[in-house]
Structures are given as C-alpha cells and as structure tokens.
Amino acid sequence: MQEQIDNVVEILVKAKNAVALTGAGISTESGIPDFRSPGGLWSKVDPGEFSIDRFLQNPGRFWRLNLSLKQSGEFDLASAEPNLAHFALAKLERLDILKCLITQNVDNLHQRAGSVEVVEFHGNFLRAVCMKCKTLEPINEVEERLMSGQEDTPRCLKCGGILKPDAIFFGEAIPARALMISQIQSQKCDTLLVIGTSLQVFPAAQIPIAVKVKTPPATVIEINREPSALHKQVSDILLVGTASEIMAELIEKLEKRVGVTSALN
C-alpha cells in the first residue's frame, strides 16, 4: 500500500488535468448512509419513493417521508460535517492539482469543505427547486413550513409552483450542464481519482470508461473500501480502505513532496 501511495503522489505531482469522481462512500464517514450496501438507505426505504413519477403523483407524501427520514436521522444531510477526504480534495484544488470534482453526492459536503470547481451530477438535496419557474430555496426553510403546518405540499413563494428537492430522482435526466462539463473534463483529464463510488450507476459510471478509451488514456486511481464494479476494466491503481484515511495520507505525502504544509481542516 505504501508503495502504491508513493506512486499516486508522483502521478498527481505530474498531472496536468486531474479530475475526481466521488460517490456515496466518501460521505459515509460523515454519518450519511450510502444507498446500496447492506444497511444502506434502500434497505430501509423503497427506492421507488425517489422516482419522479411517484413524486408527481403525490408530492406532499414524498415531503412527509423526507421529513420523517430527516427527523429519524436516517437521511439528515444538513447535520453532517465534511470529513478528511472532503478536506483533502479541497486541498488538492488549492494546490492546483485537481482541476474539477464531479460528485454523485447530493449532500453539499464538498463545497462546505472548500472545493470550488464542483459538478453536482445528481443535484443537491440541500436546495428545493420550483418545478415551474426554477426558483431555488433552502430546503430547511421548506421543511420549517411543513413542520409548522403552513403547507402540506410545499409551494414556490414566487409563483406557487410545486417544490421538489433539487436532486435527480429516478426517471429524471442528468442536468445538461453537468453532463456537458463531465464530458469535457473526461476528454481533458490525464488523471482520474475515483473515490467512494461503486461505479454501478450510469451515466456517472461512464466517466472512468471514457477517460480510458480516449487517446491518450488517463490514469485511473480508485480509492474504495472494496473494488468497484468496473475496477478490472478501468483502474490502474486500486487503494482499498476508507477515503479519509487514504486521502489524508496522500495529502501528507504530497505536501512533503511539493514543499507545502497546512492542516486539512
């Protein structure tokens, strides 16, 4: 493992266009459950509840479910804090090594850790969006109206349209801008960090495939508790372990290599 980490440090130092792709596994150490593993969210909630068709049938029902999940602690994104892996990626950006971070997560933790160039592939669950006029509103303010009994189905304060979390539900398309940027970054990328994602959800899982089939191919470095579904196809280096431990060690060695030191958080 130490030899692999030293190798990754050298790859990152030489990288011209490093990109990161992160998934739910980077946030589990922040107390946010992933979706597909045993004990994950889908073992407790029917994934169909997060489909756009079911939402449109009864938006109020979804909002009540969402509020109950938050109050029970099953899916309370607002109280989670960034961990060392989030801070490490923000530091890679400040060191001008990481040029873009594409995340499948909807928890806003990368931004809170200080990352700026973040592509939210699946949206952000800390915002609500009006399905009519696209006005955004902090989701905690929507939830406060629900809890106070002011509304059963949250409505936009501007136009009265139905509000939904600003995240991609099953049956919805990936935002065009996020898809476009990810495609551009895939072509520019020479080093891809794949962190905390099982690579089972497309089109996000297409990103490491795309960087390997282009000319010249990028180097793919995977950091996961267990190998992803595509690791044999796309990963040049596989580091098995928690994202926070491996990323903290990478940053420590990288800073020594480039002569920069500072606390992660």
C-alpha atoms as a PDB file:
ATOM      1  CA  MET A   1       0.000   0.000   0.000  1.00  0.00           C
ATOM      2  CA  GLN A   2       2.780   2.477   0.879  1.00  0.00           C
ATOM      3  CA  GLU A   3       4.490   1.909  -2.449  1.00  0.00           C
ATOM      4  CA  GLN A   4       1.171   2.445  -4.239  1.00  0.00           C
ATOM      5  CA  ILE A   5       0.525   5.682  -2.328  1.00  0.00           C
ATOM      6  CA  ASP A   6       4.013   6.942  -3.162  1.00  0.00           C
ATOM      7  CA  ASN A   7       3.300   6.115  -6.819  1.00  0.00           C
ATOM      8  CA  VAL A   8      -0.011   8.019  -6.690  1.00  0.00           C
ATOM      9  CA  VAL A   9       1.762  11.038  -5.202  1.00  0.00           C
ATOM     10  CA  GLU A  10       4.178  11.114  -8.140  1.00  0.00           C
ATOM     11  CA  ILE A  11       1.319  10.739 -10.625  1.00  0.00           C
ATOM     12  CA  LEU A  12      -0.554  13.653  -9.046  1.00  0.00           C
ATOM     13  CA  VAL A  13       2.537  15.868  -8.985  1.00  0.00           C
ATOM     14  CA  LYS A  14       2.981  15.318 -12.726  1.00  0.00           C
ATOM     15  CA  ALA A  15      -0.711  15.571 -13.594  1.00  0.00           C
ATOM     16  CA  LYS A  16      -1.804  18.468 -15.784  1.00  0.00           C
ATOM     17  CA  ASN A  17      -5.561  17.881 -15.629  1.00  0.00           C
ATOM     18  CA  ALA A  18      -6.501  15.766 -12.613  1.00  0.00           C
ATOM     19  CA  VAL A  19     -10.215  15.181 -12.063  1.00  0.00           C
ATOM     20  CA  ALA A  20     -12.044  13.466  -9.196  1.00  0.00           C
ATOM     21  CA  LEU A  21     -15.258  11.447  -9.324  1.00  0.00           C
ATOM     22  CA  THR A  22     -16.819  10.846  -5.914  1.00  0.00           C
ATOM     23  CA  GLY A  23     -19.750   8.784  -4.678  1.00  0.00           C
ATOM     24  CA  ALA A  24     -21.632   7.971  -1.510  1.00  0.00           C
ATOM     25  CA  GLY A  25     -18.683   6.126   0.027  1.00  0.00           C
ATOM     26  CA  ILE A  26     -16.792   9.369   0.624  1.00  0.00           C
ATOM     27  CA  SER A  27     -19.585  10.650   2.876  1.00  0.00           C
ATOM     28  CA  THR A  28     -20.366   7.559   4.954  1.00  0.00           C
ATOM     29  CA  GLU A  29     -17.698   8.639   7.450  1.00  0.00           C
ATOM     30  CA  SER A  30     -19.671  11.859   7.847  1.00  0.00           C
ATOM     31  CA  GLY A  31     -22.654   9.826   9.009  1.00  0.00           C
ATOM     32  CA  ILE A  32     -24.535   9.816   5.709  1.00  0.00           C
ATOM     33  CA  PRO A  33     -25.652   6.303   4.710  1.00  0.00           C
ATOM     34  CA  ASP A  34     -24.934   5.080   1.241  1.00  0.00           C
ATOM     35  CA  PHE A  35     -27.714   3.588  -0.821  1.00  0.00           C
ATOM     36  CA  ARG A  36     -26.937   0.076  -1.993  1.00  0.00           C
ATOM     37  CA  SER A  37     -24.817  -1.587   0.695  1.00  0.00           C
ATOM     38  CA  PRO A  38     -26.358  -3.691   3.486  1.00  0.00           C
ATOM     39  CA  GLY A  39     -27.899  -1.246   5.927  1.00  0.00           C
ATOM     40  CA  GLY A  40     -27.955   1.474   3.271  1.00  0.00           C
ATOM     41  CA  LEU A  41     -30.922   3.710   2.570  1.00  0.00           C
ATOM     42  CA  TRP A  42     -32.501   1.365   0.027  1.00  0.00           C
ATOM     43  CA  SER A  43     -32.668  -1.393   2.651  1.00  0.00           C
ATOM     44  CA  LYS A  44     -34.974   0.851   4.682  1.00  0.00           C
ATOM     45  CA  VAL A  45     -36.872   2.804   2.028  1.00  0.00           C
ATOM     46  CA  ASP A  46     -38.343   1.702  -1.273  1.00  0.00           C
ATOM     47  CA  PRO A  47     -36.161   3.359  -3.957  1.00  0.00           C
ATOM     48  CA  GLY A  48     -39.377   3.946  -5.879  1.00  0.00           C
ATOM     49  CA  GLU A  49     -40.235   6.660  -3.362  1.00  0.00           C
ATOM     50  CA  PHE A  50     -37.465   8.672  -5.004  1.00  0.00           C
ATOM     51  CA  SER A  51     -38.848   8.309  -8.528  1.00  0.00           C
ATOM     52  CA  ILE A  52     -40.165  11.357 -10.347  1.00  0.00           C
ATOM     53  CA  ASP A  53     -43.374   9.555 -11.349  1.00  0.00           C
ATOM     54  CA  ARG A  54     -44.289   8.741  -7.762  1.00  0.00           C
ATOM     55  CA  PHE A  55     -43.317  12.230  -6.625  1.00  0.00           C
ATOM     56  CA  LEU A  56     -45.623  13.835  -9.180  1.00  0.00           C
ATOM     57  CA  GLN A  57     -48.485  11.569  -8.146  1.00  0.00           C
ATOM     58  CA  ASN A  58     -48.303  12.834  -4.560  1.00  0.00           C
ATOM     59  CA  PRO A  59     -45.643  15.485  -3.787  1.00  0.00           C
ATOM     60  CA  GLY A  60     -46.940  16.018  -0.259  1.00  0.00           C
ATOM     61  CA  ARG A  61     -46.479  12.340   0.560  1.00  0.00           C
ATOM     62  CA  PHE A  62     -42.849  12.470  -0.536  1.00  0.00           C
ATOM     63  CA  TRP A  63     -42.153  15.596   1.518  1.00  0.00           C
ATOM     64  CA  ARG A  64     -43.626  13.946   4.625  1.00  0.00           C
ATOM     65  CA  LEU A  65     -41.446  10.876   4.030  1.00  0.00           C
ATOM     66  CA  ASN A  66     -38.386  13.052   3.537  1.00  0.00           C
ATOM     67  CA  LEU A  67     -39.096  14.928   6.758  1.00  0.00           C
ATOM     68  CA  SER A  68     -39.553  11.696   8.704  1.00  0.00           C
ATOM     69  CA  LEU A  69     -36.235  10.355   7.374  1.00  0.00           C
ATOM     70  CA  LYS A  70     -34.501  13.528   8.476  1.00  0.00           C
ATOM     71  CA  GLN A  71     -36.099  13.554  11.928  1.00  0.00           C
ATOM     72  CA  SER A  72     -35.213   9.882  12.482  1.00  0.00           C
ATOM     73  CA  GLY A  73     -31.611  10.525  11.480  1.00  0.00           C
ATOM     74  CA  GLU A  74     -31.797   8.092   8.545  1.00  0.00           C
ATOM     75  CA  PHE A  75     -31.130  10.806   5.957  1.00  0.00           C
ATOM     76  CA  ASP A  76     -30.184  14.016   7.757  1.00  0.00           C
ATOM     77  CA  LEU A  77     -27.797  15.710   5.345  1.00  0.00           C
ATOM     78  CA  ALA A  78     -27.953  19.125   6.999  1.00  0.00           C
ATOM     79  CA  SER A  79     -26.329  17.952  10.232  1.00  0.00           C
ATOM     80  CA  ALA A  80     -23.433  16.115   8.551  1.00  0.00           C
ATOM     81  CA  GLU A  81     -19.937  17.599   8.554  1.00  0.00           C
ATOM     82  CA  PRO A  82     -17.193  17.201   5.926  1.00  0.00           C
ATOM     83  CA  ASN A  83     -14.553  14.607   6.754  1.00  0.00           C
ATOM     84  CA  LEU A  84     -10.831  14.420   5.982  1.00  0.00           C
ATOM     85  CA  ALA A  85     -11.449  13.108   2.467  1.00  0.00           C
ATOM     86  CA  HIS A  86     -13.577  16.147   1.574  1.00  0.00           C
ATOM     87  CA  PHE A  87     -10.947  18.499   3.007  1.00  0.00           C
ATOM     88  CA  ALA A  88      -8.164  16.632   1.187  1.00  0.00           C
ATOM     89  CA  LEU A  89      -9.853  17.114  -2.179  1.00  0.00           C
ATOM     90  CA  ALA A  90     -10.336  20.806  -1.454  1.00  0.00           C
ATOM     91  CA  LYS A  91      -6.627  20.986  -0.659  1.00  0.00           C
ATOM     92  CA  LEU A  92      -5.763  19.276  -3.949  1.00  0.00           C
ATOM     93  CA  GLU A  93      -7.726  22.007  -5.708  1.00  0.00           C
ATOM     94  CA  ARG A  94      -5.905  24.759  -3.797  1.00  0.00           C
ATOM     95  CA  LEU A  95      -2.601  23.146  -4.770  1.00  0.00           C
ATOM     96  CA  ASP A  96      -3.771  23.499  -8.396  1.00  0.00           C
ATOM     97  CA  ILE A  97      -3.531  19.750  -8.917  1.00  0.00           C
ATOM     98  CA  LEU A  98      -7.235  18.931  -9.035  1.00  0.00           C
ATOM     99  CA  LYS A  99      -8.952  20.877 -11.808  1.00  0.00           C
ATOM    100  CA  CYS A 100     -12.512  19.575 -11.382  1.00  0.00           C
ATOM    101  CA  LEU A 101     -14.525  17.491  -8.939  1.00  0.00           C
ATOM    102  CA  ILE A 102     -17.549  15.578 -10.238  1.00  0.00           C
ATOM    103  CA  THR A 103     -19.722  14.231  -7.461  1.00  0.00           C
ATOM    104  CA  GLN A 104     -22.672  11.877  -7.494  1.00  0.00           C
ATOM    105  CA  ASN A 105     -23.482  13.039  -3.962  1.00  0.00           C
ATOM    106  CA  VAL A 106     -26.278  15.434  -3.089  1.00  0.00           C
ATOM    107  CA  ASP A 107     -25.007  16.424   0.380  1.00  0.00           C
ATOM    108  CA  ASN A 108     -23.096  19.673  -0.338  1.00  0.00           C
ATOM    109  CA  LEU A 109     -20.117  18.464   1.753  1.00  0.00           C
ATOM    110  CA  HIS A 110     -17.503  19.118  -0.916  1.00  0.00           C
ATOM    111  CA  GLN A 111     -18.495  22.772  -1.098  1.00  0.00           C
ATOM    112  CA  ARG A 112     -18.555  23.068   2.690  1.00  0.00           C
ATOM    113  CA  ALA A 113     -15.025  21.640   2.799  1.00  0.00           C
ATOM    114  CA  GLY A 114     -13.853  24.371   0.436  1.00  0.00           C
ATOM    115  CA  SER A 115     -13.982  22.817  -3.032  1.00  0.00           C
ATOM    116  CA  VAL A 116     -14.973  25.350  -5.683  1.00  0.00           C
ATOM    117  CA  GLU A 117     -14.930  23.551  -9.041  1.00  0.00           C
ATOM    118  CA  VAL A 118     -17.701  21.087  -8.174  1.00  0.00           C
ATOM    119  CA  VAL A 119     -20.024  19.492 -10.713  1.00  0.00           C
ATOM    120  CA  GLU A 120     -23.160  18.188  -8.974  1.00  0.00           C
ATOM    121  CA  PHE A 121     -24.011  15.285 -11.252  1.00  0.00           C
ATOM    122  CA  HIS A 122     -27.123  14.348  -9.295  1.00  0.00           C
ATOM    123  CA  GLY A 123     -28.048  17.758  -7.901  1.00  0.00           C
ATOM    124  CA  ASN A 124     -28.150  18.976  -4.298  1.00  0.00           C
ATOM    125  CA  PHE A 125     -30.605  17.864  -1.625  1.00  0.00           C
ATOM    126  CA  LEU A 126     -29.958  20.954   0.486  1.00  0.00           C
ATOM    127  CA  ARG A 127     -31.935  23.019  -2.024  1.00  0.00           C
ATOM    128  CA  ALA A 128     -35.533  22.913  -3.213  1.00  0.00           C
ATOM    129  CA  VAL A 129     -36.404  23.922  -6.759  1.00  0.00           C
ATOM    130  CA  CYS A 130     -39.686  25.134  -8.201  1.00  0.00           C
ATOM    131  CA  MET A 131     -40.779  22.803 -10.970  1.00  0.00           C
ATOM    132  CA  LYS A 132     -42.440  25.717 -12.745  1.00  0.00           C
ATOM    133  CA  CYS A 133     -40.149  28.760 -12.532  1.00  0.00           C
ATOM    134  CA  LYS A 134     -36.923  27.026 -11.337  1.00  0.00           C
ATOM    135  CA  THR A 135     -36.521  29.355  -8.345  1.00  0.00           C
ATOM    136  CA  LEU A 136     -34.267  27.816  -5.686  1.00  0.00           C
ATOM    137  CA  GLU A 137     -34.959  27.859  -1.959  1.00  0.00           C
ATOM    138  CA  PRO A 138     -33.016  26.399   1.008  1.00  0.00           C
ATOM    139  CA  ILE A 139     -34.673  23.096   1.826  1.00  0.00           C
ATOM    140  CA  ASN A 140     -34.598  23.782   5.579  1.00  0.00           C
ATOM    141  CA  GLU A 141     -36.955  26.733   5.035  1.00  0.00           C
ATOM    142  CA  VAL A 142     -39.350  24.485   3.119  1.00  0.00           C
ATOM    143  CA  GLU A 143     -39.197  21.902   5.890  1.00  0.00           C
ATOM    144  CA  GLU A 144     -39.902  24.563   8.503  1.00  0.00           C
ATOM    145  CA  ARG A 145     -43.135  25.446   6.700  1.00  0.00           C
ATOM    146  CA  LEU A 146     -44.098  21.781   6.632  1.00  0.00           C
ATOM    147  CA  MET A 147     -43.371  21.263  10.322  1.00  0.00           C
ATOM    148  CA  SER A 148     -45.346  24.375  11.286  1.00  0.00           C
ATOM    149  CA  GLY A 149     -48.361  23.124   9.353  1.00  0.00           C
ATOM    150  CA  GLN A 150     -48.350  26.086   6.966  1.00  0.00           C
ATOM    151  CA  GLU A 151     -48.241  23.742   3.976  1.00  0.00           C
ATOM    152  CA  ASP A 152     -48.889  20.108   3.171  1.00  0.00           C
ATOM    153  CA  THR A 153     -47.440  20.265  -0.329  1.00  0.00           C
ATOM    154  CA  PRO A 154     -44.691  22.921  -0.447  1.00  0.00           C
ATOM    155  CA  ARG A 155     -45.239  25.654  -2.988  1.00  0.00           C
ATOM    156  CA  CYS A 156     -42.890  28.199  -4.529  1.00  0.00           C
ATOM    157  CA  LEU A 157     -43.122  31.545  -2.752  1.00  0.00           C
ATOM    158  CA  LYS A 158     -42.624  33.306  -6.068  1.00  0.00           C
ATOM    159  CA  CYS A 159     -45.072  31.616  -8.448  1.00  0.00           C
ATOM    160  CA  GLY A 160     -46.912  28.951  -6.462  1.00  0.00           C
ATOM    161  CA  GLY A 161     -45.424  26.036  -8.385  1.00  0.00           C
ATOM    162  CA  ILE A 162     -44.692  22.706  -6.707  1.00  0.00           C
ATOM    163  CA  LEU A 163     -41.324  22.445  -4.987  1.00  0.00           C
ATOM    164  CA  LYS A 164     -39.129  19.349  -5.091  1.00  0.00           C
ATOM    165  CA  PRO A 165     -35.619  18.698  -3.792  1.00  0.00           C
ATOM    166  CA  ASP A 166     -33.086  19.953  -6.326  1.00  0.00           C
ATOM    167  CA  ALA A 167     -31.739  16.447  -6.807  1.00  0.00           C
ATOM    168  CA  ILE A 168     -32.143  13.990  -9.657  1.00  0.00           C
ATOM    169  CA  PHE A 169     -34.900  11.483  -8.978  1.00  0.00           C
ATOM    170  CA  PHE A 170     -35.175   8.126 -10.741  1.00  0.00           C
ATOM    171  CA  GLY A 171     -36.644   8.800 -14.155  1.00  0.00           C
ATOM    172  CA  GLU A 172     -35.114  12.286 -14.495  1.00  0.00           C
ATOM    173  CA  ALA A 173     -32.284  13.248 -16.825  1.00  0.00           C
ATOM    174  CA  ILE A 174     -28.885  14.393 -15.619  1.00  0.00           C
ATOM    175  CA  PRO A 175     -28.702  18.219 -15.801  1.00  0.00           C
ATOM    176  CA  ALA A 176     -27.427  19.203 -19.242  1.00  0.00           C
ATOM    177  CA  ARG A 177     -24.717  21.487 -17.875  1.00  0.00           C
ATOM    178  CA  ALA A 178     -23.363  18.828 -15.503  1.00  0.00           C
ATOM    179  CA  LEU A 179     -23.342  16.275 -18.306  1.00  0.00           C
ATOM    180  CA  MET A 180     -21.598  18.657 -20.694  1.00  0.00           C
ATOM    181  CA  ILE A 181     -18.878  19.621 -18.194  1.00  0.00           C
ATOM    182  CA  SER A 182     -18.251  15.998 -17.235  1.00  0.00           C
ATOM    183  CA  GLN A 183     -17.826  15.075 -20.897  1.00  0.00           C
ATOM    184  CA  ILE A 184     -15.405  17.964 -21.484  1.00  0.00           C
ATOM    185  CA  GLN A 185     -13.434  17.115 -18.339  1.00  0.00           C
ATOM    186  CA  SER A 186     -13.288  13.450 -19.324  1.00  0.00           C
ATOM    187  CA  GLN A 187     -11.574  14.414 -22.568  1.00  0.00           C
ATOM    188  CA  LYS A 188      -9.122  16.811 -20.862  1.00  0.00           C
ATOM    189  CA  CYS A 189      -8.396  14.509 -17.942  1.00  0.00           C
ATOM    190  CA  ASP A 190      -4.999  12.825 -17.624  1.00  0.00           C
ATOM    191  CA  THR A 191      -5.529  11.512 -14.071  1.00  0.00           C
ATOM    192  CA  LEU A 192      -8.861  10.447 -12.596  1.00  0.00           C
ATOM    193  CA  LEU A 193      -9.410   9.843  -8.893  1.00  0.00           C
ATOM    194  CA  VAL A 194     -12.410   7.553  -8.346  1.00  0.00           C
ATOM    195  CA  ILE A 195     -13.387   7.777  -4.683  1.00  0.00           C
ATOM    196  CA  GLY A 196     -16.193   6.099  -2.790  1.00  0.00           C
ATOM    197  CA  THR A 197     -18.288   5.016  -5.750  1.00  0.00           C
ATOM    198  CA  SER A 198     -19.334   1.526  -6.745  1.00  0.00           C
ATOM    199  CA  LEU A 199     -19.492   2.576 -10.417  1.00  0.00           C
ATOM    200  CA  GLN A 200     -22.865   0.887 -10.800  1.00  0.00           C
ATOM    201  CA  VAL A 201     -24.908   3.976 -11.676  1.00  0.00           C
ATOM    202  CA  PHE A 202     -24.806   5.302 -15.231  1.00  0.00           C
ATOM    203  CA  PRO A 203     -24.104   7.707 -16.812  1.00  0.00           C
ATOM    204  CA  ALA A 204     -21.695   8.676 -13.996  1.00  0.00           C
ATOM    205  CA  ALA A 205     -20.001   5.279 -14.274  1.00  0.00           C
ATOM    206  CA  GLN A 206     -19.329   6.078 -17.936  1.00  0.00           C
ATOM    207  CA  ILE A 207     -16.774   8.721 -16.903  1.00  0.00           C
ATOM    208  CA  PRO A 208     -13.906   6.340 -15.999  1.00  0.00           C
ATOM    209  CA  ILE A 209     -14.670   4.306 -19.108  1.00  0.00           C
ATOM    210  CA  ALA A 210     -14.475   7.444 -21.240  1.00  0.00           C
ATOM    211  CA  VAL A 211     -11.097   8.514 -19.828  1.00  0.00           C
ATOM    212  CA  LYS A 212      -9.650   5.065 -20.563  1.00  0.00           C
ATOM    213  CA  VAL A 213     -10.793   4.768 -24.182  1.00  0.00           C
ATOM    214  CA  LYS A 214      -9.625   8.221 -25.262  1.00  0.00           C
ATOM    215  CA  THR A 215      -6.166   8.874 -26.722  1.00  0.00           C
ATOM    216  CA  PRO A 216      -4.027   9.100 -24.720  1.00  0.00           C
ATOM    217  CA  PRO A 217      -5.863   7.299 -21.904  1.00  0.00           C
ATOM    218  CA  ALA A 218      -5.911   8.794 -18.423  1.00  0.00           C
ATOM    219  CA  THR A 219      -4.533   7.083 -15.347  1.00  0.00           C
ATOM    220  CA  VAL A 220      -7.394   5.931 -13.119  1.00  0.00           C
ATOM    221  CA  ILE A 221      -6.758   5.732  -9.383  1.00  0.00           C
ATOM    222  CA  GLU A 222      -9.536   4.054  -7.414  1.00  0.00           C
ATOM    223  CA  ILE A 223      -9.995   4.555  -3.659  1.00  0.00           C
ATOM    224  CA  ASN A 224     -12.721   2.374  -2.183  1.00  0.00           C
ATOM    225  CA  ARG A 225     -13.492   0.150   0.783  1.00  0.00           C
ATOM    226  CA  GLU A 226     -13.902  -2.636  -1.753  1.00  0.00           C
ATOM    227  CA  PRO A 227     -13.224  -2.763  -5.501  1.00  0.00           C
ATOM    228  CA  SER A 228     -15.844  -1.127  -7.706  1.00  0.00           C
ATOM    229  CA  ALA A 229     -17.849  -2.990 -10.310  1.00  0.00           C
ATOM    230  CA  LEU A 230     -15.536  -1.669 -13.038  1.00  0.00           C
ATOM    231  CA  HIS A 231     -12.157  -1.793 -11.323  1.00  0.00           C
ATOM    232  CA  LYS A 232     -10.799  -4.568 -13.543  1.00  0.00           C
ATOM    233  CA  GLN A 233     -11.786  -2.622 -16.642  1.00  0.00           C
ATOM    234  CA  VAL A 234     -10.685   0.882 -15.727  1.00  0.00           C
ATOM    235  CA  SER A 235      -8.493   1.101 -12.614  1.00  0.00           C
ATOM    236  CA  ASP A 236      -4.722   1.342 -12.981  1.00  0.00           C
ATOM    237  CA  ILE A 237      -4.204   1.611  -9.222  1.00  0.00           C
ATOM    238  CA  LEU A 238      -6.607   0.343  -6.558  1.00  0.00           C
ATOM    239  CA  LEU A 239      -6.221   1.592  -2.979  1.00  0.00           C
ATOM    240  CA  VAL A 240      -8.516  -0.348  -0.650  1.00  0.00           C
ATOM    241  CA  GLY A 241      -9.538   1.420   2.548  1.00  0.00           C
ATOM    242  CA  THR A 242     -11.519   4.350   3.851  1.00  0.00           C
ATOM    243  CA  ALA A 243     -11.462   7.522   1.784  1.00  0.00           C
ATOM    244  CA  SER A 244     -10.491   9.731   4.732  1.00  0.00           C
ATOM    245  CA  GLU A 245      -7.506   7.617   5.794  1.00  0.00           C
ATOM    246  CA  ILE A 246      -6.111   7.172   2.300  1.00  0.00           C
ATOM    247  CA  MET A 247      -6.720  10.764   1.185  1.00  0.00           C
ATOM    248  CA  ALA A 248      -5.201  12.179   4.405  1.00  0.00           C
ATOM    249  CA  GLU A 249      -2.077  10.093   3.860  1.00  0.00           C
ATOM    250  CA  LEU A 250      -1.901  11.116   0.219  1.00  0.00           C
ATOM    251  CA  ILE A 251      -2.120  14.798   1.111  1.00  0.00           C
ATOM    252  CA  GLU A 252       0.520  14.492   3.835  1.00  0.00           C
ATOM    253  CA  LYS A 253       2.993  12.871   1.456  1.00  0.00           C
ATOM    254  CA  LEU A 254       2.046  15.162  -1.405  1.00  0.00           C
ATOM    255  CA  GLU A 255       2.662  18.281   0.676  1.00  0.00           C
ATOM    256  CA  LYS A 256       6.085  16.999   1.680  1.00  0.00           C
ATOM    257  CA  ARG A 257       6.820  16.228  -1.950  1.00  0.00           C
ATOM    258  CA  VAL A 258       5.937  19.737  -3.124  1.00  0.00           C
ATOM    259  CA  GLY A 259       7.183  21.530  -0.012  1.00  0.00           C
ATOM    260  CA  VAL A 260       3.817  22.782   1.282  1.00  0.00           C
ATOM    261  CA  THR A 261       2.319  22.102   4.693  1.00  0.00           C
ATOM    262  CA  SER A 262      -1.015  23.042   6.258  1.00  0.00           C
ATOM    263  CA  ALA A 263      -3.787  21.435   8.266  1.00  0.00           C
ATOM    264  CA  LEU A 264      -6.507  19.737   6.252  1.00  0.00           C
ATOM    265  CA  ASN A 265      -9.317  21.326   8.212  1.00  0.00           C
END
